[in-house]
Amino acid sequence: VAGDEQLARELERDYDYAGVDTCAVDGMCLTACPVLINTGALVKRLRREEQNPVLAAGWKAAAQAWGPVTRAGSVALTLADRAPAGAVRGATSVGRVLLGADTVPEYSADLPGGGPGRRRREGELGAGSGEPVAVYLPACVNSMFGGDGLGVTEAFARLLERAGLRVLVPTGIESMCCSTPWTSKGYTAGRAVMAERVSRIVREASRDGELLVLSDAASCTEGFAHIFDDQGVAVRTEDVVAFTAREVLPRLGEVSPVATSLVLHPTCSSTQMGLNDALRALGEAVAETVTVPDAWGCCAFAGDRGMLHPELTASATAAEAAEVRAIGADLHASCNRTCEIGMTRATGRDYRHVVELLEEATRPSL
């Protein structure tokens, strides 16, 4: 008996959108599954199997020239931020029609301008006369997406100075990435290029694992850890949230809260890496009351997924956003730049990295 081929085609088309294109591949399904099944890993495999060879080649080329690519992206966002939003959105809308919604991001006025480059950070940051206590890998996502404040990288550098600690930012940082853009999209060749470069630089900078390795966006910290595991690099990897709570905060003396109330948005990566207690500890240092919404969940911005499919983030954040607006807190914080952008878009409240807020709370009195 012949099957219903039309129905099969419709189901395949619908699944490509609902199951593959709009999956955030954040792995949070694993935390809820009693047998620890990670459907995100399946979707990554499907994307690898179905990758467009032209796009895959383009992303490999991007990995080979990641420094210029990130700076170009930052400049483009800055120019877009200064241009009429309607004109920029119109241009991206045309691109999405011609090349596909899963290829060209949709611009919206709530996207920030670009951030500062990372090359100027190369060398030692902080204060004190001792050896660096860690290798610090500022995330490229903070370089591409700026904000109204200092940004987590500058805030962390200032906190290190106050705490009398030093870290080393390796030469070549501008060309480094945690490889999540390639991993999540299924572009294995580009990921291999980046993984080799990151491993080589970190091996040398950390003295073959003698120094701890830090990064300042939770998903990027997780991505670096995966690279090191895959490449057999024996280094300890930690997010700046955990490092700041353990090593920096105790050295800052008494910290006076700068706000009555703070809402925290833990991220998928902070949850899976066990960072949320440290995230709350930093939040409690800067605000009298700290709330994690009962409806907390993945914001589904997922790197650029929230720009490719804005409806994904809108759906994922609806309940949490309503609760956040009802709480009406003074401050809102998270620990990953794209999640901060996604939650800012969803709630209309300004989400910033919690380390930025700690820097403001510990500024010396004039």
Protein backbone atom coordinates (compact mmCIF):
# COMPACT_ATOMS: atom_id res chain seq x y z
CA VAL A 1 0.00 0.00 0.00
CA ALA A 2 1.46 3.33 -1.01
CA GLY A 3 2.11 5.75 1.80
CA ASP A 4 0.80 9.28 2.04
CA GLU A 5 3.81 11.01 0.50
CA GLN A 6 2.29 14.48 0.73
CA LEU A 7 1.69 14.07 4.46
CA ALA A 8 5.24 12.79 4.90
CA ARG A 9 6.63 15.86 3.13
CA GLU A 10 4.49 18.16 5.26
CA LEU A 11 5.62 16.45 8.46
CA GLU A 12 9.27 16.66 7.42
CA ARG A 13 8.91 20.35 6.56
CA ASP A 14 7.15 21.13 9.82
CA TYR A 15 9.71 19.18 11.85
CA ASP A 16 12.59 20.98 10.15
CA TYR A 17 11.16 24.23 11.52
CA ALA A 18 9.75 23.09 14.87
CA GLY A 19 12.38 20.52 15.75
CA VAL A 20 15.60 21.69 14.08
CA ASP A 21 15.53 25.37 13.07
CA THR A 22 13.92 26.58 16.30
CA CYS A 23 15.75 24.34 18.75
CA ALA A 24 18.00 26.37 21.05
CA VAL A 25 20.26 23.28 21.54
CA ASP A 26 20.85 24.47 25.11
CA GLY A 27 20.74 21.00 26.64
CA MET A 28 18.23 22.00 29.32
CA CYS A 29 16.05 19.04 28.35
CA LEU A 30 18.75 16.90 29.96
CA THR A 31 18.18 18.56 33.34
CA ALA A 32 14.47 17.64 33.27
CA CYS A 33 14.78 14.15 31.78
CA PRO A 34 14.89 11.29 34.32
CA VAL A 35 17.24 9.32 32.05
CA LEU A 36 19.37 12.36 31.07
CA ILE A 37 18.51 12.45 27.37
CA ASN A 38 19.89 15.58 25.67
CA THR A 39 17.73 16.25 22.62
CA GLY A 40 19.90 19.25 21.79
CA ALA A 41 22.76 16.87 21.00
CA LEU A 42 20.49 15.09 18.52
CA VAL A 43 19.58 18.37 16.83
CA LYS A 44 23.25 19.32 16.54
CA ARG A 45 23.85 15.98 14.83
CA LEU A 46 20.96 16.60 12.43
CA ARG A 47 22.36 20.02 11.60
CA ARG A 48 25.77 18.47 10.92
CA GLU A 49 24.20 15.93 8.59
CA GLU A 50 22.15 18.56 6.74
CA GLN A 51 24.71 21.38 6.59
CA ASN A 52 24.80 23.55 3.49
CA PRO A 53 28.28 23.07 1.95
CA VAL A 54 28.49 26.69 0.80
CA LEU A 55 27.59 28.04 4.23
CA ALA A 56 29.89 25.50 5.88
CA ALA A 57 32.78 26.74 3.73
CA GLY A 58 31.92 30.32 4.62
CA TRP A 59 31.90 29.55 8.33
CA LYS A 60 35.23 27.74 8.01
CA ALA A 61 36.67 30.85 6.36
CA ALA A 62 35.22 32.91 9.21
CA ALA A 63 36.99 30.70 11.75
CA GLN A 64 40.27 31.22 9.91
CA ALA A 65 39.86 35.02 10.13
CA TRP A 66 37.83 35.34 13.31
CA GLY A 67 39.51 38.51 14.56
CA PRO A 68 38.56 40.61 11.51
CA VAL A 69 35.13 38.95 11.38
CA THR A 70 34.26 39.91 14.96
CA ARG A 71 35.50 43.46 14.50
CA ALA A 72 33.48 43.78 11.29
CA GLY A 73 30.42 42.49 13.13
CA SER A 74 30.95 44.99 15.93
CA VAL A 75 31.35 47.88 13.48
CA ALA A 76 28.26 46.78 11.56
CA LEU A 77 26.18 46.75 14.75
CA THR A 78 27.45 50.20 15.70
CA LEU A 79 26.58 51.60 12.27
CA ALA A 80 23.17 49.91 12.39
CA ASP A 81 22.56 51.37 15.85
CA ARG A 82 23.12 54.87 14.45
CA ALA A 83 21.04 54.37 11.30
CA PRO A 84 17.24 54.45 11.06
CA ALA A 85 16.11 51.11 12.46
CA GLY A 86 13.46 50.68 9.77
CA ALA A 87 15.99 50.95 6.98
CA VAL A 88 18.31 48.39 8.55
CA ARG A 89 15.47 46.01 9.29
CA GLY A 90 14.23 46.39 5.74
CA ALA A 91 17.63 45.39 4.40
CA THR A 92 17.82 42.31 6.60
CA SER A 93 14.24 41.38 5.73
CA VAL A 94 15.16 41.34 2.04
CA GLY A 95 18.17 39.17 2.86
CA ARG A 96 15.97 36.76 4.81
CA VAL A 97 13.61 36.42 1.83
CA LEU A 98 16.47 35.81 -0.60
CA LEU A 99 18.74 33.62 1.54
CA GLY A 100 16.41 32.19 4.15
CA ALA A 101 15.31 32.99 7.70
CA ASP A 102 17.75 30.45 9.11
CA THR A 103 20.69 32.21 7.41
CA VAL A 104 20.21 35.98 7.76
CA PRO A 105 19.48 37.45 11.23
CA GLU A 106 16.60 39.89 11.63
CA TYR A 107 17.70 43.31 12.86
CA SER A 108 15.65 45.08 15.51
CA ALA A 109 16.12 48.39 17.26
CA ASP A 110 16.71 46.72 20.63
CA LEU A 111 20.02 45.23 19.49
CA PRO A 112 22.98 47.14 20.97
CA GLY A 113 25.87 48.69 19.11
CA GLY A 114 29.19 46.91 18.91
CA GLY A 115 31.57 46.46 21.82
CA PRO A 116 35.30 47.20 22.17
CA GLY A 117 37.97 44.97 20.67
CA ARG A 118 39.89 42.45 22.74
CA ARG A 119 43.39 42.90 21.35
CA ARG A 120 44.10 45.82 23.67
CA ARG A 121 43.56 43.46 26.60
CA GLU A 122 46.51 41.23 25.71
CA GLY A 123 49.00 40.90 28.55
CA GLU A 124 48.43 41.04 32.28
CA LEU A 125 45.35 42.59 33.87
CA GLY A 126 44.83 43.48 37.51
CA ALA A 127 47.23 44.44 40.26
CA GLY A 128 49.68 42.93 42.70
CA SER A 129 53.25 41.73 42.43
CA GLY A 130 52.66 38.00 42.23
CA GLU A 131 52.33 35.73 39.23
CA PRO A 132 49.04 35.69 37.30
CA VAL A 133 46.52 33.40 38.95
CA ALA A 134 44.68 32.49 35.76
CA VAL A 135 44.54 32.77 31.99
CA TYR A 136 41.62 35.01 31.07
CA LEU A 137 39.77 34.58 27.77
CA PRO A 138 37.36 37.52 27.33
CA ALA A 139 34.47 36.25 25.23
CA CYS A 140 34.09 37.51 21.67
CA VAL A 141 30.34 37.90 22.20
CA ASN A 142 31.06 40.77 24.62
CA SER A 143 33.25 42.33 21.95
CA MET A 144 30.57 42.09 19.28
CA PHE A 145 27.60 43.21 21.40
CA GLY A 146 28.28 46.30 23.48
CA GLY A 147 26.05 47.99 26.02
CA ASP A 148 25.49 51.19 27.97
CA GLY A 149 27.79 50.23 30.85
CA LEU A 150 31.44 49.24 31.13
CA GLY A 151 30.82 45.69 29.99
CA VAL A 152 31.85 42.62 31.96
CA THR A 153 35.44 42.56 30.67
CA GLU A 154 36.29 46.06 31.87
CA ALA A 155 34.31 45.53 35.09
CA PHE A 156 36.22 42.33 35.85
CA ALA A 157 39.55 44.05 35.16
CA ARG A 158 38.70 46.81 37.65
CA LEU A 159 37.62 44.29 40.28
CA LEU A 160 40.91 42.43 39.87
CA GLU A 161 42.78 45.68 40.55
CA ARG A 162 40.79 46.29 43.74
CA ALA A 163 41.32 42.69 44.86
CA GLY A 164 45.07 42.74 44.14
CA LEU A 165 44.90 39.84 41.70
CA ARG A 166 46.39 39.46 38.24
CA VAL A 167 45.38 37.39 35.21
CA LEU A 168 46.95 36.85 31.81
CA VAL A 169 45.12 37.54 28.55
CA PRO A 170 47.00 35.58 25.86
CA THR A 171 48.37 37.04 22.66
CA GLY A 172 45.95 36.23 19.87
CA ILE A 173 42.79 36.64 21.97
CA GLU A 174 41.07 38.54 19.13
CA SER A 175 41.15 35.38 17.01
CA MET A 176 39.74 33.07 19.70
CA CYS A 177 36.20 31.81 20.26
CA CYS A 178 34.61 29.05 22.32
CA SER A 179 33.42 27.51 19.01
CA THR A 180 29.73 27.52 19.97
CA PRO A 181 28.67 29.24 16.70
CA TRP A 182 30.06 26.30 14.71
CA THR A 183 29.02 23.58 17.14
CA SER A 184 25.42 24.75 17.37
CA LYS A 185 25.07 25.12 13.60
CA GLY A 186 26.77 21.82 12.81
CA TYR A 187 29.76 23.24 10.92
CA THR A 188 32.42 20.75 11.91
CA ALA A 189 35.27 22.02 9.71
CA GLY A 190 35.09 25.54 11.11
CA ARG A 191 34.84 24.19 14.62
CA ALA A 192 37.99 22.11 14.08
CA VAL A 193 39.92 25.19 12.93
CA MET A 194 38.90 27.14 16.02
CA ALA A 195 39.42 24.26 18.45
CA GLU A 196 42.98 23.72 17.23
CA ARG A 197 43.85 27.40 17.58
CA VAL A 198 42.30 27.80 21.03
CA SER A 199 43.96 24.63 22.33
CA ARG A 200 47.39 25.65 21.05
CA ILE A 201 47.23 29.15 22.54
CA VAL A 202 45.81 27.99 25.88
CA ARG A 203 48.35 25.19 26.29
CA GLU A 204 51.16 27.73 26.02
CA ALA A 205 49.52 30.49 28.06
CA SER A 206 48.47 28.17 30.90
CA ARG A 207 51.86 26.44 30.98
CA ASP A 208 50.26 23.11 30.06
CA GLY A 209 47.43 23.46 32.54
CA GLU A 210 49.30 24.99 35.46
CA LEU A 211 47.02 28.03 35.42
CA LEU A 212 43.25 28.11 35.69
CA VAL A 213 41.41 29.28 32.53
CA LEU A 214 38.58 31.83 32.89
CA SER A 215 35.98 33.26 30.55
CA ASP A 216 33.25 35.84 31.10
CA ALA A 217 30.09 34.53 29.40
CA ALA A 218 28.63 31.34 30.82
CA SER A 219 27.94 29.61 27.51
CA CYS A 220 31.42 30.54 26.29
CA THR A 221 33.02 29.11 29.42
CA GLU A 222 31.12 25.90 28.77
CA GLY A 223 32.19 25.94 25.12
CA PHE A 224 35.86 26.36 26.03
CA ALA A 225 35.57 23.46 28.47
CA HIS A 226 34.17 21.25 25.69
CA ILE A 227 37.06 22.23 23.40
CA PHE A 228 39.63 21.31 26.03
CA ASP A 229 37.93 17.98 26.72
CA ASP A 230 37.73 17.13 23.03
CA GLN A 231 41.33 18.18 22.34
CA GLY A 232 42.79 16.48 25.40
CA VAL A 233 43.97 19.74 26.97
CA ALA A 234 44.35 19.18 30.72
CA VAL A 235 43.27 22.56 32.07
CA ARG A 236 40.77 23.66 34.69
CA THR A 237 38.08 25.92 33.27
CA GLU A 238 35.93 28.28 35.31
CA ASP A 239 33.53 31.14 34.72
CA VAL A 240 34.33 34.59 36.10
CA VAL A 241 31.13 34.41 38.16
CA ALA A 242 32.47 31.51 40.22
CA PHE A 243 35.98 32.97 40.35
CA THR A 244 34.71 36.37 41.44
CA ALA A 245 32.51 34.90 44.17
CA ARG A 246 35.33 32.74 45.54
CA GLU A 247 38.49 34.81 45.02
CA VAL A 248 37.55 38.43 44.35
CA LEU A 249 34.53 39.20 46.53
CA PRO A 250 36.23 38.24 49.85
CA ARG A 251 39.11 40.61 49.01
CA LEU A 252 36.87 43.61 48.39
CA GLY A 253 35.94 44.23 52.01
CA GLU A 254 32.44 45.24 53.00
CA VAL A 255 30.16 45.78 50.02
CA SER A 256 27.14 48.04 50.41
CA PRO A 257 24.10 47.14 48.28
CA VAL A 258 23.37 49.66 45.54
CA ALA A 259 19.74 48.62 45.06
CA THR A 260 16.78 47.41 47.07
CA SER A 261 15.82 44.63 44.68
CA LEU A 262 17.43 42.58 41.92
CA VAL A 263 16.00 39.99 39.54
CA LEU A 264 18.44 37.32 38.36
CA HIS A 265 18.18 35.30 35.18
CA PRO A 266 20.29 32.15 35.51
CA THR A 267 21.28 30.78 32.12
CA CYS A 268 21.21 27.27 30.71
CA SER A 269 25.00 27.08 30.93
CA SER A 270 25.17 28.52 34.44
CA THR A 271 22.66 25.88 35.51
CA GLN A 272 24.48 22.98 33.88
CA MET A 273 27.88 24.14 35.18
CA GLY A 274 26.62 24.67 38.73
CA LEU A 275 27.19 28.43 38.73
CA ASN A 276 23.86 29.56 40.11
CA ASP A 277 24.87 29.66 43.77
CA ALA A 278 27.81 31.90 42.89
CA LEU A 279 25.53 34.01 40.69
CA ARG A 280 23.18 34.53 43.63
CA ALA A 281 26.08 35.32 45.98
CA LEU A 282 27.18 38.16 43.73
CA GLY A 283 23.60 39.33 43.39
CA GLU A 284 23.16 39.39 47.17
CA ALA A 285 26.26 41.56 47.46
CA VAL A 286 24.73 44.32 45.32
CA ALA A 287 21.05 44.20 46.31
CA GLU A 288 19.07 43.79 49.52
CA THR A 289 16.70 41.23 48.01
CA VAL A 290 17.40 38.88 45.10
CA THR A 291 14.69 37.06 43.17
CA VAL A 292 14.87 34.32 40.56
CA PRO A 293 11.44 34.23 38.89
CA ASP A 294 9.40 31.08 39.47
CA ALA A 295 8.83 30.97 35.71
CA TRP A 296 12.55 31.09 34.98
CA GLY A 297 13.63 29.12 31.94
CA CYS A 298 15.79 29.19 28.84
CA CYS A 299 15.48 32.55 27.06
CA ALA A 300 16.17 30.74 23.74
CA PHE A 301 18.19 33.62 22.33
CA ALA A 302 20.88 30.95 21.93
CA GLY A 303 23.65 33.00 20.34
CA ASP A 304 22.05 34.21 17.12
CA ARG A 305 19.02 31.89 17.18
CA GLY A 306 16.91 34.66 18.71
CA MET A 307 17.83 36.94 15.81
CA LEU A 308 17.18 34.26 13.19
CA HIS A 309 13.87 33.26 14.78
CA PRO A 310 12.64 36.06 17.11
CA GLU A 311 9.42 34.13 17.68
CA LEU A 312 11.44 31.48 19.52
CA THR A 313 12.63 33.89 22.21
CA ALA A 314 9.21 35.55 22.42
CA SER A 315 7.57 32.21 23.13
CA ALA A 316 10.25 30.93 25.51
CA THR A 317 10.32 34.05 27.67
CA ALA A 318 6.61 34.94 27.80
CA ALA A 319 5.86 33.61 31.29
CA GLU A 320 9.12 34.76 32.85
CA ALA A 321 8.85 38.21 31.26
CA ALA A 322 5.35 38.71 32.66
CA GLU A 323 6.57 37.76 36.12
CA VAL A 324 9.60 40.06 35.86
CA ARG A 325 7.42 43.01 34.91
CA ALA A 326 5.11 42.26 37.85
CA ILE A 327 8.05 42.13 40.29
CA GLY A 328 9.26 45.59 39.25
CA ALA A 329 12.80 45.21 40.60
CA ASP A 330 15.39 47.98 40.59
CA LEU A 331 18.04 45.95 38.77
CA HIS A 332 18.14 42.94 36.44
CA ALA A 333 21.18 40.74 35.87
CA SER A 334 22.45 37.58 34.25
CA CYS A 335 25.83 36.14 33.25
CA ASN A 336 25.81 35.81 29.47
CA ARG A 337 25.66 38.67 26.97
CA THR A 338 23.21 37.21 24.46
CA CYS A 339 20.91 36.05 27.25
CA GLU A 340 21.01 39.59 28.63
CA ILE A 341 20.00 40.89 25.19
CA GLY A 342 17.21 38.33 24.93
CA MET A 343 15.80 39.13 28.37
CA THR A 344 16.07 42.87 27.78
CA ARG A 345 14.07 42.40 24.59
CA ALA A 346 11.48 40.22 26.31
CA THR A 347 10.92 42.36 29.41
CA GLY A 348 11.81 45.91 28.43
CA ARG A 349 14.16 45.96 31.46
CA ASP A 350 17.91 46.46 31.14
CA TYR A 351 19.71 43.18 31.92
CA ARG A 352 23.44 43.43 32.63
CA HIS A 353 26.17 41.06 33.74
CA VAL A 354 26.17 40.67 37.52
CA VAL A 355 29.93 41.38 37.60
CA GLU A 356 29.22 44.84 36.17
CA LEU A 357 26.86 45.54 39.06
CA LEU A 358 29.45 44.36 41.59
CA GLU A 359 32.01 46.71 40.07
CA GLU A 360 29.62 49.63 40.51
CA ALA A 361 28.86 48.62 44.11
CA THR A 362 32.56 48.58 45.03
CA ARG A 363 33.77 51.77 43.40
CA PRO A 364 35.92 53.80 45.79
CA SER A 365 34.23 56.83 47.30
CA LEU A 366 35.47 60.15 45.98
